[in-house]
Amino acid sequence: MVLLATLVLLAVPAEEVPDFQIPTDVAFVVSGGYWTRGPLHGTYRLIVRNSGYEHVSSELVAEWIEDANGEDGPRMLDARRLIQRGSYSFEAPTIEVRGESLRVTLNGVVTHSPDRKVRCVFDLRPRGFDVIRACSANET
């Protein structure tokens, strides 16, 4: 019976999803928290994009995504590049909701010295962000 169910699943063609493409350099996407700006409200989204293959470097972009409004779907209200590519390679961001702000912590390594760990901490707010801990590497 299990073999028959497996064969049936393999015979069903996958549905195509036109016009839906995630760039190949996107490594992680994390959404969370909730913000309000007057009548506007929505969630935060973080995108980590990587480049390189031998020495991978990451960038972090924060987006403020407005909730769907009636017939219109969600839309990006604002975006800020918090970390530019070149110096560090990061794991997936961790988040902690703090009221209407979102604490974002990134852990990773220095791109050209992977034995050196790095950590950065940001607070996203409804109208911007604060650098809580600038990216800094430990010495080993």
Protein backbone atom coordinates (compact mmCIF):
# COMPACT_ATOMS: atom_id res chain seq x y z
CA MET A 1 0.00 0.00 0.00
CA VAL A 2 2.85 2.42 0.84
CA LEU A 3 4.48 1.72 -2.52
CA LEU A 4 1.23 2.54 -4.34
CA ALA A 5 0.88 5.88 -2.48
CA THR A 6 4.46 6.77 -3.34
CA LEU A 7 3.92 6.01 -7.01
CA VAL A 8 0.76 8.12 -7.08
CA LEU A 9 2.61 11.10 -5.55
CA LEU A 10 5.41 10.78 -8.08
CA ALA A 11 2.90 10.79 -10.93
CA VAL A 12 1.32 14.13 -9.93
CA PRO A 13 3.03 16.96 -11.80
CA ALA A 14 4.31 19.88 -9.76
CA GLU A 15 2.35 23.08 -10.23
CA GLU A 16 4.27 25.86 -11.95
CA VAL A 17 4.48 29.18 -10.15
CA PRO A 18 4.89 31.87 -12.80
CA ASP A 19 6.39 35.25 -11.90
CA PHE A 20 7.71 33.98 -8.57
CA GLN A 21 11.47 34.07 -8.35
CA ILE A 22 13.76 34.41 -5.38
CA PRO A 23 17.21 35.66 -6.37
CA THR A 24 19.78 32.88 -6.14
CA ASP A 25 22.03 34.90 -3.81
CA VAL A 26 19.36 35.02 -1.07
CA ALA A 27 20.59 32.80 1.78
CA PHE A 28 18.06 33.59 4.54
CA VAL A 29 14.74 35.41 4.94
CA VAL A 30 13.33 36.00 8.42
CA SER A 31 10.08 37.85 9.18
CA GLY A 32 8.68 38.88 12.53
CA GLY A 33 7.54 41.61 14.86
CA TYR A 34 4.85 44.21 14.23
CA TRP A 35 5.08 47.97 13.69
CA THR A 36 2.65 50.88 13.32
CA ARG A 37 3.15 54.32 11.75
CA GLY A 38 -0.06 56.27 12.16
CA PRO A 39 -2.65 54.44 10.04
CA LEU A 40 -0.01 52.11 8.54
CA HIS A 41 1.02 48.80 10.10
CA GLY A 42 2.95 45.71 9.17
CA THR A 43 5.86 43.39 9.88
CA TYR A 44 9.64 43.47 9.60
CA ARG A 45 11.52 41.29 7.12
CA LEU A 46 15.27 40.57 7.05
CA ILE A 47 17.09 39.32 3.98
CA VAL A 48 20.65 37.97 4.03
CA ARG A 49 22.25 37.77 0.59
CA ASN A 50 25.58 36.05 -0.03
CA SER A 51 28.17 36.42 -2.76
CA GLY A 52 31.40 34.59 -3.49
CA TYR A 53 32.27 30.92 -3.24
CA GLU A 54 35.68 30.60 -1.61
CA HIS A 55 35.31 33.68 0.60
CA VAL A 56 31.57 34.18 1.03
CA SER A 57 30.43 37.62 2.13
CA SER A 58 26.95 38.64 3.29
CA GLU A 59 24.79 41.72 3.25
CA LEU A 60 21.75 42.33 5.45
CA VAL A 61 18.72 44.28 4.27
CA ALA A 62 15.81 45.15 6.60
CA GLU A 63 12.39 45.79 5.09
CA TRP A 64 9.22 47.27 6.56
CA ILE A 65 6.34 45.33 4.96
CA GLU A 66 2.92 46.97 5.12
CA ASP A 67 0.03 44.60 5.77
CA ALA A 68 -2.41 43.87 2.95
CA ASN A 69 -5.04 46.59 2.58
CA GLY A 70 -8.35 45.52 1.05
CA GLU A 71 -7.74 44.25 -2.48
CA ASP A 72 -4.07 45.24 -2.47
CA GLY A 73 -1.53 42.72 -1.24
CA PRO A 74 1.28 43.50 1.20
CA ARG A 75 3.86 46.02 -0.02
CA MET A 76 7.34 47.05 1.00
CA LEU A 77 7.10 50.47 2.62
CA ASP A 78 10.80 50.98 3.35
CA ALA A 79 14.13 49.14 3.11
CA ARG A 80 17.55 49.79 4.65
CA ARG A 81 20.88 48.05 4.02
CA LEU A 82 22.24 47.42 7.52
CA ILE A 83 25.39 45.56 6.46
CA GLN A 84 27.14 45.78 3.09
CA ARG A 85 28.85 42.80 1.46
CA GLY A 86 32.58 42.40 1.71
CA SER A 87 33.71 41.85 5.29
CA TYR A 88 31.56 39.19 6.95
CA SER A 89 29.71 35.94 6.30
CA PHE A 90 26.60 35.43 8.46
CA GLU A 91 24.31 32.67 9.64
CA ALA A 92 20.52 33.18 9.71
CA PRO A 93 19.53 36.20 11.82
CA THR A 94 17.88 35.58 15.18
CA ILE A 95 15.07 37.89 16.23
CA GLU A 96 13.40 38.91 19.48
CA VAL A 97 10.18 40.93 19.53
CA ARG A 98 10.34 43.87 21.96
CA GLY A 99 7.02 45.70 21.76
CA GLU A 100 7.00 47.42 18.37
CA SER A 101 10.74 47.00 17.93
CA LEU A 102 12.60 43.92 16.77
CA ARG A 103 16.02 42.96 18.15
CA VAL A 104 18.11 41.42 15.35
CA THR A 105 21.29 39.48 16.17
CA LEU A 106 23.71 38.24 13.53
CA ASN A 107 26.52 35.79 14.16
CA GLY A 108 29.11 34.85 11.60
CA VAL A 109 32.76 34.99 10.67
CA VAL A 110 35.19 37.43 9.08
CA THR A 111 35.19 36.61 5.36
CA HIS A 112 38.97 36.26 4.93
CA SER A 113 39.64 34.92 8.46
CA PRO A 114 36.92 32.35 9.18
CA ASP A 115 38.48 31.47 12.56
CA ARG A 116 37.45 34.98 13.76
CA LYS A 117 33.82 35.12 14.91
CA VAL A 118 31.74 38.27 14.46
CA ARG A 119 28.51 39.48 16.05
CA CYS A 120 26.21 42.44 15.25
CA VAL A 121 23.02 43.59 16.99
CA PHE A 122 20.36 46.00 15.68
CA ASP A 123 16.95 47.18 16.89
CA LEU A 124 14.43 47.83 14.14
CA ARG A 125 11.80 50.44 15.02
CA PRO A 126 8.67 51.60 13.18
CA ARG A 127 10.63 54.56 11.70
CA GLY A 128 14.20 53.30 11.46
CA PHE A 129 16.81 51.34 13.37
CA ASP A 130 19.47 51.59 16.07
CA VAL A 131 22.87 49.92 16.05
CA ILE A 132 23.10 48.23 19.45
CA ARG A 133 26.39 46.48 18.76
CA ALA A 134 28.41 47.35 15.68
CA CYS A 135 29.86 44.35 13.87
CA SER A 136 33.04 43.38 15.66
CA ALA A 137 35.24 40.31 15.51
CA ASN A 138 36.84 38.47 18.39
CA GLU A 139 40.56 37.83 18.38
CA THR A 140 41.60 34.16 18.47
